[in-house]
């Protein structure tokens, strides 16, 4: 008797959290057959992450869900740091929108997860199974065999070309791969309390750096208030989460704590951990399965979305056959160092703003008071310039060392996203004028005029798009001097003119994740495209 063939998928994703569902939304339009397995019987319905950055919103824009996400966010969420006496000694209040969205946004995670889940209904090729636990898998070399157990105990198996473990900090996928989760767990614990019908009402967020008991108060969308209190070493979770314990802690913040409508309370421990590897064979780790970081900069959620954005387009290229499997090696090379940098920043911020030693706290308050009198230093903090931005020095980039200087070299950096005007008069964010594809962005001159036949074939094979940027006032003259395949758009804010001038380049080639793969002058386009083809592992 011949065994029935196992169900076949292009991609299996373990965990229906935001990272797994973002990956599925990114690859869904490519027609890949995707299966998401979630051990729970439904989406998690309680608040977790509360901070979303501009890079994350840009990814949600790419999957066509940003406008549905926005109603569940509070844009431009400031964060102030107060002394125990209530005096502000530092602030984070960024107002620029370099990547098309506010840098800091509060959000309600269960509602964002629901938007991501509902977005999957657009794709007949994406399937989600709740109440299904991955029990084990076998990497066969050319495919991965996955074994699952349903909520009723029935066992089954299927095969997938690749497997992604986005199954959280306790990742069964990572453990099955025997990949060490290196780092430390902070001995300090924090009590998180979420309250509906916000009894505080003041917008934004404040970290009260009281050495006796630091606490955070955060205004969330839809009238929800989050309060976080440091738990002392001699306090148990049962004690602080009891009615008496909650009443005691809340009394320092609320005039009538007994009337607070608590959604939930829970004690958390801060972790700073990084998987030694993000990949083994045909299996990848993403999100909390690959890295955990303290909450101080709200980057755990955002770092996972960055993983999704980096990995998804590469999987599409390989599974469609346009790139060789070696392209996937760039995922870890590009993502792991930045995840480490975010962990280091979050750990450092926690040590600065939550010391329980009075002398250290006093020294910090005095130090920041002095620094706030120095405008460049104050602006460095206020505008969040301390945040490490992803910068790829290896992977899918073309860097021939010809840049004028390290600071001016745009290769490997995330490209800006100002608003541009189309020839029909509509004004849109730059990414919406491009589409989710490779793109050549050129100032004034159309570089496709200089492409040789081989370069044209490669650009066509990548399904790339070319945008020529000119000052908005030139749009009325038409585009007789650019090729029919190129698109002319107007620089409404002159942000693009300033960017190209500062970078001292005229042409950039963008990857689908909006990172700059290469820069050049118009007459160099053919040679640079040839090198890009090599970095993309084109067969």
Foldseek 3Di string as FASTA:
>chain_A
DDDDAFAEFAEEEEALFPLRLLLCLLQQVLQGQYEYEAQAQDPDQQFDFWKDFLLLLVSCVQSVQNVVQVLFKAAQFKEFEAELVGHTLAIAGADDNFAPGGGIMTGGRVSVSVSSVVSSVVGPSYYYDYQKDFPAWDCPQQWIKTWIAGNVGDIDIHIHRFYEYAPAQVTPLCVNVVWDWDFDWDPKKKKKWKFAQAQQPDAHKYWHQYLVKIKIWHQGPRRMIIIMIIDDPVDDFCQCQDPVNVCVVCVVPHVGSVPTHIPGMDMDIATFIATPFQDDRRYGYAQNNGGGAGPQPSCSVVLRNVLSLLQSVLSSCPSVQQAPPVLNVVSRQQRRVLRNVQRVVRVVVCVQRHHSDPVSVVVSSVVSNVQCVPVVSSCCRRNVVVRDFGAHPDFLADCPPPFPDPVLAQARGFHTWDWWAFLVGDIDIPCVVFRQFKEKEFEPAALVVQADPVLVVLCVSRVYAYEYEYAPVCSVVPPPRYDPRHGYIHDDPCPVVVSCVSSVFGMFIAGSSRGTRYTHHSNCSHVRSVVSSVSRNGD
